[in-house]
Every structure is written in structure tokens, then in C-alpha cells.
PDB file of N, CA and C in Angstrom:
ATOM      1  N   UNK A   1     128.313  32.110 194.122  1.00  0.00           N
ATOM      2  CA  UNK A   1     128.248  32.629 192.794  1.00  0.00           C
ATOM      3  C   UNK A   1     127.686  31.612 191.822  1.00  0.00           C
ATOM      4  N   UNK A   2     127.536  32.042 190.620  1.00  0.00           N
ATOM      5  CA  UNK A   2     126.997  31.209 189.558  1.00  0.00           C
ATOM      6  C   UNK A   2     128.100  30.827 188.593  1.00  0.00           C
ATOM      7  N   UNK A   3     127.933  29.676 187.953  1.00  0.00           N
ATOM      8  CA  UNK A   3     128.871  29.270 186.928  1.00  0.00           C
ATOM      9  C   UNK A   3     128.186  28.302 185.987  1.00  0.00           C
ATOM     10  N   UNK A   4     128.825  28.057 184.844  1.00  0.00           N
ATOM     11  CA  UNK A   4     128.339  27.075 183.887  1.00  0.00           C
ATOM     12  C   UNK A   4     129.110  25.798 184.150  1.00  0.00           C
ATOM     13  N   UNK A   5     128.402  24.714 184.435  1.00  0.00           N
ATOM     14  CA  UNK A   5     129.058  23.454 184.756  1.00  0.00           C
ATOM     15  C   UNK A   5     128.589  22.321 183.868  1.00  0.00           C
ATOM     16  N   UNK A   6     129.163  21.164 184.122  1.00  0.00           N
ATOM     17  CA  UNK A   6     128.831  19.956 183.381  1.00  0.00           C
ATOM     18  C   UNK A   6     129.094  20.137 181.883  1.00  0.00           C
ATOM     19  N   UNK A   7     130.164  20.835 181.548  1.00  0.00           N
ATOM     20  CA  UNK A   7     130.482  21.091 180.150  1.00  0.00           C
ATOM     21  C   UNK A   7     131.044  19.820 179.523  1.00  0.00           C
ATOM     22  N   UNK A   8     130.422  19.402 178.433  1.00  0.00           N
ATOM     23  CA  UNK A   8     130.827  18.208 177.694  1.00  0.00           C
ATOM     24  C   UNK A   8     131.398  18.603 176.342  1.00  0.00           C
ATOM     25  N   UNK A   9     132.175  17.695 175.739  1.00  0.00           N
ATOM     26  CA  UNK A   9     132.713  17.936 174.403  1.00  0.00           C
ATOM     27  C   UNK A   9     131.576  18.238 173.437  1.00  0.00           C
ATOM     28  N   UNK A  10     131.745  19.285 172.653  1.00  0.00           N
ATOM     29  CA  UNK A  10     130.728  19.694 171.690  1.00  0.00           C
ATOM     30  C   UNK A  10     129.781  20.760 172.209  1.00  0.00           C
ATOM     31  N   UNK A  11     129.795  21.038 173.521  1.00  0.00           N
ATOM     32  CA  UNK A  11     128.957  22.108 174.066  1.00  0.00           C
ATOM     33  C   UNK A  11     129.483  23.465 173.609  1.00  0.00           C
ATOM     34  N   UNK A  12     128.601  24.458 173.566  1.00  0.00           N
ATOM     35  CA  UNK A  12     129.009  25.796 173.180  1.00  0.00           C
ATOM     36  C   UNK A  12     128.145  26.831 173.895  1.00  0.00           C
ATOM     37  N   UNK A  13     128.684  28.023 174.007  1.00  0.00           N
ATOM     38  CA  UNK A  13     127.997  29.164 174.599  1.00  0.00           C
ATOM     39  C   UNK A  13     128.147  30.332 173.636  1.00  0.00           C
ATOM     40  N   UNK A  14     127.094  31.069 173.406  1.00  0.00           N
ATOM     41  CA  UNK A  14     127.140  32.229 172.513  1.00  0.00           C
ATOM     42  C   UNK A  14     126.669  33.459 173.278  1.00  0.00           C
ATOM     43  N   UNK A  15     127.423  34.540 173.135  1.00  0.00           N
ATOM     44  CA  UNK A  15     127.126  35.790 173.827  1.00  0.00           C
ATOM     45  C   UNK A  15     126.976  36.880 172.775  1.00  0.00           C
ATOM     46  N   UNK A  16     125.719  37.208 172.461  1.00  0.00           N
ATOM     47  CA  UNK A  16     125.450  38.224 171.455  1.00  0.00           C
ATOM     48  C   UNK A  16     125.823  39.588 171.996  1.00  0.00           C
ATOM     49  N   UNK A  17     126.563  40.339 171.222  1.00  0.00           N
ATOM     50  CA  UNK A  17     127.069  41.654 171.616  1.00  0.00           C
ATOM     51  C   UNK A  17     127.685  41.594 173.016  1.00  0.00           C
ATOM     52  N   UNK A  18     128.626  40.659 173.172  1.00  0.00           N
ATOM     53  CA  UNK A  18     129.294  40.441 174.465  1.00  0.00           C
ATOM     54  C   UNK A  18     130.086  41.659 174.909  1.00  0.00           C
ATOM     55  N   UNK A  19     130.592  42.418 173.954  1.00  0.00           N
ATOM     56  CA  UNK A  19     131.374  43.618 174.260  1.00  0.00           C
ATOM     57  C   UNK A  19     131.381  44.492 173.020  1.00  0.00           C
ATOM     58  N   UNK A  20     131.671  45.759 173.223  1.00  0.00           N
ATOM     59  CA  UNK A  20     131.931  46.660 172.109  1.00  0.00           C
ATOM     60  C   UNK A  20     133.399  47.015 172.168  1.00  0.00           C
ATOM     61  N   UNK A  21     134.138  46.631 171.148  1.00  0.00           N
ATOM     62  CA  UNK A  21     135.584  46.847 171.102  1.00  0.00           C
ATOM     63  C   UNK A  21     135.828  48.245 170.527  1.00  0.00           C
ATOM     64  N   UNK A  22     136.513  49.135 171.301  1.00  0.00           N
ATOM     65  CA  UNK A  22     136.659  50.526 170.859  1.00  0.00           C
ATOM     66  C   UNK A  22     137.547  50.694 169.624  1.00  0.00           C
ATOM     67  N   UNK A  23     138.628  49.938 169.547  1.00  0.00           N
ATOM     68  CA  UNK A  23     139.521  50.004 168.387  1.00  0.00           C
ATOM     69  C   UNK A  23     140.031  48.604 168.078  1.00  0.00           C
ATOM     70  N   UNK A  24     140.202  48.313 166.798  1.00  0.00           N
ATOM     71  CA  UNK A  24     140.742  47.012 166.394  1.00  0.00           C
ATOM     72  C   UNK A  24     142.156  46.870 166.947  1.00  0.00           C
ATOM     73  N   UNK A  25     142.504  45.651 167.350  1.00  0.00           N
ATOM     74  CA  UNK A  25     143.852  45.445 167.853  1.00  0.00           C
ATOM     75  C   UNK A  25     143.959  44.235 168.757  1.00  0.00           C
ATOM     76  N   UNK A  26     145.013  44.234 169.558  1.00  0.00           N
ATOM     77  CA  UNK A  26     145.340  43.120 170.435  1.00  0.00           C
ATOM     78  C   UNK A  26     144.594  43.232 171.771  1.00  0.00           C
ATOM     79  N   UNK A  27     143.943  42.130 172.141  1.00  0.00           N
ATOM     80  CA  UNK A  27     143.198  42.058 173.392  1.00  0.00           C
ATOM     81  C   UNK A  27     143.538  40.755 174.094  1.00  0.00           C
ATOM     82  N   UNK A  28     143.397  40.741 175.405  1.00  0.00           N
ATOM     83  CA  UNK A  28     143.559  39.521 176.196  1.00  0.00           C
ATOM     84  C   UNK A  28     142.189  39.076 176.664  1.00  0.00           C
ATOM     85  N   UNK A  29     141.888  37.797 176.415  1.00  0.00           N
ATOM     86  CA  UNK A  29     140.662  37.211 176.942  1.00  0.00           C
ATOM     87  C   UNK A  29     141.067  36.248 178.048  1.00  0.00           C
ATOM     88  N   UNK A  30     140.515  36.466 179.229  1.00  0.00           N
ATOM     89  CA  UNK A  30     140.782  35.621 180.394  1.00  0.00           C
ATOM     90  C   UNK A  30     139.515  34.857 180.739  1.00  0.00           C
ATOM     91  N   UNK A  31     139.700  33.635 181.241  1.00  0.00           N
ATOM     92  CA  UNK A  31     138.587  32.758 181.599  1.00  0.00           C
ATOM     93  C   UNK A  31     138.848  32.210 182.997  1.00  0.00           C
ATOM     94  N   UNK A  32     137.869  32.290 183.864  1.00  0.00           N
ATOM     95  CA  UNK A  32     137.958  31.688 185.204  1.00  0.00           C
ATOM     96  C   UNK A  32     137.332  30.309 185.080  1.00  0.00           C
ATOM     97  N   UNK A  33     138.146  29.255 185.244  1.00  0.00           N
ATOM     98  CA  UNK A  33     137.729  27.891 184.959  1.00  0.00           C
ATOM     99  C   UNK A  33     138.128  26.942 186.088  1.00  0.00           C
ATOM    100  N   UNK A  34     137.482  25.788 186.101  1.00  0.00           N
ATOM    101  CA  UNK A  34     137.832  24.707 187.026  1.00  0.00           C
ATOM    102  C   UNK A  34     137.672  23.386 186.282  1.00  0.00           C
ATOM    103  N   UNK A  35     138.551  22.435 186.598  1.00  0.00           N
ATOM    104  CA  UNK A  35     138.485  21.124 185.967  1.00  0.00           C
ATOM    105  C   UNK A  35     139.185  20.104 186.846  1.00  0.00           C
ATOM    106  N   UNK A  36     138.548  18.974 187.075  1.00  0.00           N
ATOM    107  CA  UNK A  36     139.168  17.930 187.890  1.00  0.00           C
ATOM    108  C   UNK A  36     140.438  17.414 187.230  1.00  0.00           C
ATOM    109  N   UNK A  37     140.382  17.173 185.911  1.00  0.00           N
ATOM    110  CA  UNK A  37     141.530  16.527 185.261  1.00  0.00           C
ATOM    111  C   UNK A  37     142.109  17.295 184.077  1.00  0.00           C
ATOM    112  N   UNK A  38     141.638  18.510 183.799  1.00  0.00           N
ATOM    113  CA  UNK A  38     142.150  19.296 182.691  1.00  0.00           C
ATOM    114  C   UNK A  38     141.257  19.166 181.470  1.00  0.00           C
ATOM    115  N   UNK A  39     141.322  20.168 180.590  1.00  0.00           N
ATOM    116  CA  UNK A  39     140.469  20.189 179.408  1.00  0.00           C
ATOM    117  C   UNK A  39     140.969  21.278 178.459  1.00  0.00           C
ATOM    118  N   UNK A  40     140.136  21.626 177.492  1.00  0.00           N
ATOM    119  CA  UNK A  40     140.420  22.713 176.557  1.00  0.00           C
ATOM    120  C   UNK A  40     139.135  23.467 176.253  1.00  0.00           C
ATOM    121  N   UNK A  41     139.296  24.750 175.915  1.00  0.00           N
ATOM    122  CA  UNK A  41     138.194  25.541 175.385  1.00  0.00           C
ATOM    123  C   UNK A  41     138.697  26.274 174.160  1.00  0.00           C
ATOM    124  N   UNK A  42     137.799  26.597 173.263  1.00  0.00           N
ATOM    125  CA  UNK A  42     138.181  27.433 172.128  1.00  0.00           C
ATOM    126  C   UNK A  42     137.199  28.588 172.041  1.00  0.00           C
ATOM    127  N   UNK A  43     137.685  29.698 171.478  1.00  0.00           N
ATOM    128  CA  UNK A  43     136.878  30.908 171.380  1.00  0.00           C
ATOM    129  C   UNK A  43     136.743  31.304 169.917  1.00  0.00           C
ATOM    130  N   UNK A  44     135.626  31.974 169.620  1.00  0.00           N
ATOM    131  CA  UNK A  44     135.390  32.411 168.251  1.00  0.00           C
ATOM    132  C   UNK A  44     134.497  33.637 168.237  1.00  0.00           C
ATOM    133  N   UNK A  45     134.368  34.222 167.060  1.00  0.00           N
ATOM    134  CA  UNK A  45     133.447  35.324 166.821  1.00  0.00           C
ATOM    135  C   UNK A  45     132.436  34.903 165.767  1.00  0.00           C
ATOM    136  N   UNK A  46     131.231  35.425 165.886  1.00  0.00           N
ATOM    137  CA  UNK A  46     130.193  35.257 164.859  1.00  0.00           C
ATOM    138  C   UNK A  46     129.938  33.804 164.494  1.00  0.00           C
ATOM    139  N   UNK A  47     129.593  33.018 165.507  1.00  0.00           N
ATOM    140  CA  UNK A  47     129.210  31.610 165.316  1.00  0.00           C
ATOM    141  C   UNK A  47     130.289  30.792 164.604  1.00  0.00           C
ATOM    142  N   UNK A  48     131.539  31.064 164.956  1.00  0.00           N
ATOM    143  CA  UNK A  48     132.645  30.282 164.413  1.00  0.00           C
ATOM    144  C   UNK A  48     133.259  30.835 163.148  1.00  0.00           C
ATOM    145  N   UNK A  49     132.754  31.948 162.625  1.00  0.00           N
ATOM    146  CA  UNK A  49     133.299  32.519 161.393  1.00  0.00           C
ATOM    147  C   UNK A  49     134.757  32.946 161.562  1.00  0.00           C
ATOM    148  N   UNK A  50     135.108  33.424 162.759  1.00  0.00           N
ATOM    149  CA  UNK A  50     136.484  33.822 163.065  1.00  0.00           C
ATOM    150  C   UNK A  50     136.943  33.038 164.282  1.00  0.00           C
ATOM    151  N   UNK A  51     137.926  32.172 164.103  1.00  0.00           N
ATOM    152  CA  UNK A  51     138.482  31.394 165.212  1.00  0.00           C
ATOM    153  C   UNK A  51     139.511  32.240 165.959  1.00  0.00           C
ATOM    154  N   UNK A  52     139.421  32.263 167.283  1.00  0.00           N
ATOM    155  CA  UNK A  52     140.356  33.038 168.100  1.00  0.00           C
ATOM    156  C   UNK A  52     141.411  32.173 168.778  1.00  0.00           C
ATOM    157  N   UNK A  53     141.234  30.859 168.751  1.00  0.00           N
ATOM    158  CA  UNK A  53     142.250  29.977 169.319  1.00  0.00           C
ATOM    159  C   UNK A  53     141.736  29.104 170.435  1.00  0.00           C
ATOM    160  N   UNK A  54     142.582  28.161 170.816  1.00  0.00           N
ATOM    161  CA  UNK A  54     142.272  27.186 171.856  1.00  0.00           C
ATOM    162  C   UNK A  54     143.135  27.460 173.082  1.00  0.00           C
ATOM    163  N   UNK A  55     142.548  27.262 174.251  1.00  0.00           N
ATOM    164  CA  UNK A  55     143.239  27.476 175.523  1.00  0.00           C
ATOM    165  C   UNK A  55     143.190  26.184 176.324  1.00  0.00           C
ATOM    166  N   UNK A  56     144.333  25.777 176.873  1.00  0.00           N
ATOM    167  CA  UNK A  56     144.380  24.609 177.753  1.00  0.00           C
ATOM    168  C   UNK A  56     143.921  24.996 179.152  1.00  0.00           C
ATOM    169  N   UNK A  57     143.109  24.135 179.735  1.00  0.00           N
ATOM    170  CA  UNK A  57     142.631  24.318 181.104  1.00  0.00           C
ATOM    171  C   UNK A  57     143.366  23.294 181.963  1.00  0.00           C
ATOM    172  N   UNK A  58     144.137  23.733 182.943  1.00  0.00           N
ATOM    173  CA  UNK A  58     144.869  22.775 183.772  1.00  0.00           C
ATOM    174  C   UNK A  58     143.941  22.043 184.739  1.00  0.00           C
ATOM    175  N   UNK A  59     144.409  20.920 185.234  1.00  0.00           N
ATOM    176  CA  UNK A  59     143.669  20.218 186.292  1.00  0.00           C
ATOM    177  C   UNK A  59     143.741  21.065 187.557  1.00  0.00           C
ATOM    178  N   UNK A  60     142.578  21.427 188.080  1.00  0.00           N
ATOM    179  CA  UNK A  60     142.537  22.209 189.322  1.00  0.00           C
ATOM    180  C   UNK A  60     142.169  21.351 190.525  1.00  0.00           C
ATOM    181  N   UNK A  61     141.819  20.085 190.271  1.00  0.00           N
ATOM    182  CA  UNK A  61     141.563  19.148 191.351  1.00  0.00           C
ATOM    183  C   UNK A  61     140.138  19.080 191.857  1.00  0.00           C
ATOM    184  N   UNK A  62     139.293  20.032 191.469  1.00  0.00           N
ATOM    185  CA  UNK A  62     137.904  20.018 191.926  1.00  0.00           C
ATOM    186  C   UNK A  62     137.079  20.892 190.988  1.00  0.00           C
ATOM    187  N   UNK A  63     135.769  20.706 191.000  1.00  0.00           N
ATOM    188  CA  UNK A  63     134.869  21.436 190.107  1.00  0.00           C
ATOM    189  C   UNK A  63     134.690  22.894 190.489  1.00  0.00           C
ATOM    190  N   UNK A  64     135.009  23.250 191.735  1.00  0.00           N
ATOM    191  CA  UNK A  64     134.871  24.637 192.179  1.00  0.00           C
ATOM    192  C   UNK A  64     136.203  25.212 192.642  1.00  0.00           C
ATOM    193  N   UNK A  65     137.304  24.595 192.258  1.00  0.00           N
ATOM    194  CA  UNK A  65     138.645  25.101 192.552  1.00  0.00           C
ATOM    195  C   UNK A  65     139.106  25.866 191.314  1.00  0.00           C
ATOM    196  N   UNK A  66     138.991  27.197 191.356  1.00  0.00           N
ATOM    197  CA  UNK A  66     139.119  28.035 190.170  1.00  0.00           C
ATOM    198  C   UNK A  66     140.539  28.488 189.896  1.00  0.00           C
ATOM    199  N   UNK A  67     140.835  28.650 188.612  1.00  0.00           N
ATOM    200  CA  UNK A  67     142.071  29.268 188.155  1.00  0.00           C
ATOM    201  C   UNK A  67     141.727  30.116 186.939  1.00  0.00           C
ATOM    202  N   UNK A  68     142.600  31.020 186.585  1.00  0.00           N
ATOM    203  CA  UNK A  68     142.367  31.874 185.421  1.00  0.00           C
ATOM    204  C   UNK A  68     143.380  31.539 184.335  1.00  0.00           C
ATOM    205  N   UNK A  69     142.872  31.302 183.128  1.00  0.00           N
ATOM    206  CA  UNK A  69     143.714  31.081 181.954  1.00  0.00           C
ATOM    207  C   UNK A  69     143.379  32.169 180.941  1.00  0.00           C
ATOM    208  N   UNK A  70     144.321  32.472 180.056  1.00  0.00           N
ATOM    209  CA  UNK A  70     144.062  33.551 179.104  1.00  0.00           C
ATOM    210  C   UNK A  70     144.844  33.340 177.816  1.00  0.00           C
ATOM    211  N   UNK A  71     144.456  34.103 176.812  1.00  0.00           N
ATOM    212  CA  UNK A  71     145.208  34.154 175.567  1.00  0.00           C
ATOM    213  C   UNK A  71     145.013  35.522 174.929  1.00  0.00           C
ATOM    214  N   UNK A  72     145.992  35.898 174.104  1.00  0.00           N
ATOM    215  CA  UNK A  72     145.935  37.170 173.400  1.00  0.00           C
ATOM    216  C   UNK A  72     145.373  36.930 172.002  1.00  0.00           C
ATOM    217  N   UNK A  73     144.476  37.812 171.585  1.00  0.00           N
ATOM    218  CA  UNK A  73     143.789  37.667 170.299  1.00  0.00           C
ATOM    219  C   UNK A  73     143.715  39.025 169.608  1.00  0.00           C
ATOM    220  N   UNK A  74     143.450  38.997 168.322  1.00  0.00           N
ATOM    221  CA  UNK A  74     143.184  40.210 167.547  1.00  0.00           C
ATOM    222  C   UNK A  74     141.666  40.333 167.374  1.00  0.00           C
ATOM    223  N   UNK A  75     141.122  41.492 167.744  1.00  0.00           N
ATOM    224  CA  UNK A  75     139.684  41.717 167.635  1.00  0.00           C
ATOM    225  C   UNK A  75     139.401  42.933 166.763  1.00  0.00           C
ATOM    226  N   UNK A  76     138.295  42.880 166.021  1.00  0.00           N
ATOM    227  CA  UNK A  76     137.896  44.045 165.215  1.00  0.00           C
ATOM    228  C   UNK A  76     137.175  45.073 166.085  1.00  0.00           C
ATOM    229  N   UNK A  77     137.127  46.296 165.625  1.00  0.00           N
ATOM    230  CA  UNK A  77     136.375  47.338 166.336  1.00  0.00           C
ATOM    231  C   UNK A  77     134.877  47.085 166.175  1.00  0.00           C
ATOM    232  N   UNK A  78     134.128  47.489 167.201  1.00  0.00           N
ATOM    233  CA  UNK A  78     132.672  47.387 167.152  1.00  0.00           C
ATOM    234  C   UNK A  78     132.142  46.312 168.063  1.00  0.00           C
ATOM    235  N   UNK A  79     130.827  46.090 168.042  1.00  0.00           N
ATOM    236  CA  UNK A  79     130.225  45.055 168.885  1.00  0.00           C
ATOM    237  C   UNK A  79     130.637  43.668 168.378  1.00  0.00           C
ATOM    238  N   UNK A  80     130.900  42.764 169.301  1.00  0.00           N
ATOM    239  CA  UNK A  80     131.291  41.408 168.912  1.00  0.00           C
ATOM    240  C   UNK A  80     130.303  40.385 169.468  1.00  0.00           C
ATOM    241  N   UNK A  81     130.050  39.374 168.660  1.00  0.00           N
ATOM    242  CA  UNK A  81     129.294  38.200 169.084  1.00  0.00           C
ATOM    243  C   UNK A  81     130.332  37.138 169.403  1.00  0.00           C
ATOM    244  N   UNK A  82     130.484  36.836 170.690  1.00  0.00           N
ATOM    245  CA  UNK A  82     131.566  36.006 171.197  1.00  0.00           C
ATOM    246  C   UNK A  82     131.061  34.614 171.533  1.00  0.00           C
ATOM    247  N   UNK A  83     131.852  33.611 171.175  1.00  0.00           N
ATOM    248  CA  UNK A  83     131.467  32.241 171.461  1.00  0.00           C
ATOM    249  C   UNK A  83     132.574  31.462 172.140  1.00  0.00           C
ATOM    250  N   UNK A  84     132.166  30.521 172.976  1.00  0.00           N
ATOM    251  CA  UNK A  84     133.084  29.582 173.629  1.00  0.00           C
ATOM    252  C   UNK A  84     132.613  28.182 173.269  1.00  0.00           C
ATOM    253  N   UNK A  85     133.545  27.360 172.813  1.00  0.00           N
ATOM    254  CA  UNK A  85     133.256  25.996 172.396  1.00  0.00           C
ATOM    255  C   UNK A  85     134.093  25.029 173.232  1.00  0.00           C
ATOM    256  N   UNK A  86     133.541  23.851 173.512  1.00  0.00           N
ATOM    257  CA  UNK A  86     134.236  22.836 174.313  1.00  0.00           C
ATOM    258  C   UNK A  86     134.711  21.692 173.420  1.00  0.00           C
ATOM    259  N   UNK A  87     135.991  21.710 172.992  1.00  0.00           N
ATOM    260  CA  UNK A  87     136.492  20.570 172.230  1.00  0.00           C
ATOM    261  C   UNK A  87     136.681  19.330 173.111  1.00  0.00           C
ATOM    262  N   UNK A  88     136.810  19.546 174.431  1.00  0.00           N
ATOM    263  CA  UNK A  88     136.935  18.431 175.375  1.00  0.00           C
ATOM    264  C   UNK A  88     135.985  18.635 176.552  1.00  0.00           C
ATOM    265  N   UNK A  89     135.652  17.549 177.215  1.00  0.00           N
ATOM    266  CA  UNK A  89     134.735  17.559 178.365  1.00  0.00           C
ATOM    267  C   UNK A  89     135.463  17.856 179.664  1.00  0.00           C
ATOM    268  N   UNK A  90     134.646  18.110 180.689  1.00  0.00           N
ATOM    269  CA  UNK A  90     135.151  18.097 182.057  1.00  0.00           C
ATOM    270  C   UNK A  90     135.651  19.405 182.613  1.00  0.00           C
ATOM    271  N   UNK A  91     134.908  20.474 182.385  1.00  0.00           N
ATOM    272  CA  UNK A  91     135.314  21.747 182.975  1.00  0.00           C
ATOM    273  C   UNK A  91     134.104  22.629 183.252  1.00  0.00           C
ATOM    274  N   UNK A  92     134.324  23.607 184.126  1.00  0.00           N
ATOM    275  CA  UNK A  92     133.314  24.598 184.492  1.00  0.00           C
ATOM    276  C   UNK A  92     133.848  25.981 184.154  1.00  0.00           C
ATOM    277  N   UNK A  93     132.947  26.897 183.835  1.00  0.00           N
ATOM    278  CA  UNK A  93     133.307  28.286 183.543  1.00  0.00           C
ATOM    279  C   UNK A  93     132.603  29.193 184.530  1.00  0.00           C
ATOM    280  N   UNK A  94     133.374  30.053 185.186  1.00  0.00           N
ATOM    281  CA  UNK A  94     132.819  31.009 186.145  1.00  0.00           C
ATOM    282  C   UNK A  94     132.578  32.363 185.485  1.00  0.00           C
ATOM    283  N   UNK A  95     133.554  32.848 184.708  1.00  0.00           N
ATOM    284  CA  UNK A  95     133.420  34.111 183.992  1.00  0.00           C
ATOM    285  C   UNK A  95     134.481  34.218 182.911  1.00  0.00           C
ATOM    286  N   UNK A  96     134.298  35.187 182.013  1.00  0.00           N
ATOM    287  CA  UNK A  96     135.347  35.559 181.067  1.00  0.00           C
ATOM    288  C   UNK A  96     135.446  37.075 181.039  1.00  0.00           C
ATOM    289  N   UNK A  97     136.624  37.579 180.635  1.00  0.00           N
ATOM    290  CA  UNK A  97     136.878  39.014 180.626  1.00  0.00           C
ATOM    291  C   UNK A  97     137.707  39.358 179.389  1.00  0.00           C
ATOM    292  N   UNK A  98     137.379  40.452 178.724  1.00  0.00           N
ATOM    293  CA  UNK A  98     138.117  40.926 177.558  1.00  0.00           C
ATOM    294  C   UNK A  98     138.752  42.267 177.920  1.00  0.00           C
ATOM    295  N   UNK A  99     140.089  42.332 177.778  1.00  0.00           N
ATOM    296  CA  UNK A  99     140.827  43.557 178.136  1.00  0.00           C
ATOM    297  C   UNK A  99     141.758  43.945 177.000  1.00  0.00           C
ATOM    298  N   UNK A 100     141.950  45.236 176.814  1.00  0.00           N
ATOM    299  CA  UNK A 100     142.887  45.690 175.796  1.00  0.00           C
ATOM    300  C   UNK A 100     144.313  45.428 176.280  1.00  0.00           C
ATOM    301  N   UNK A 101     145.213  45.208 175.321  1.00  0.00           N
ATOM    302  CA  UNK A 101     146.635  44.904 175.637  1.00  0.00           C
ATOM    303  C   UNK A 101     147.442  46.135 175.528  1.00  0.00           C
TER     304      UNK A 101
END
């Protein structure tokens, strides 16, 4: 499979119209990640205009040893421009998923 690797502090990913949210409310965003020694990621909407929070990434022991972390967020209805930011280095991203709660 494919993944985003070599993520350093200050890196970011932007996904234009990543999803269309049917109704405003509570959603869970899950991330499939790997990190040798642990890290953090933060999520936002519209190039940082709306902060969704920070998620801790545990040490998984290898760059391709995956685990899933998640957090619950409030999202508006309609198409969303979703972003992931790296406040710390040393992790890989395999995928993310947005599900209604």
C-alpha cells in the first residue's frame, strides 16, 4: 500500500473537499499511523481557520507498524476542506476516515 512518510515538524497535508458532511454534528476522525518513538498530529478545517484538536500518536516501534488513533470533533454540514498538521516529527500516515457518531 501507499502512505505518507518522513513527516517532519511543520509539515502539513490539505485535502480539498475531503468529504461532504450530511448534517452538522459529532463525528469521529480516525488516522492509521506509525511512529518509531511517538508523535502528535493536529487536524483543522479551511487552512487552519477551524482547529479540530491534537491527537497523540503512540510509539509503534517501526515505520510500517500501524495503529489507529482517533478523536471526536464537531463538523459543519457540507463539503469540508480538511487539513492535517505535524506539530512534531517522526510519523507516517496510511489513511484517515471520518465517521458520524
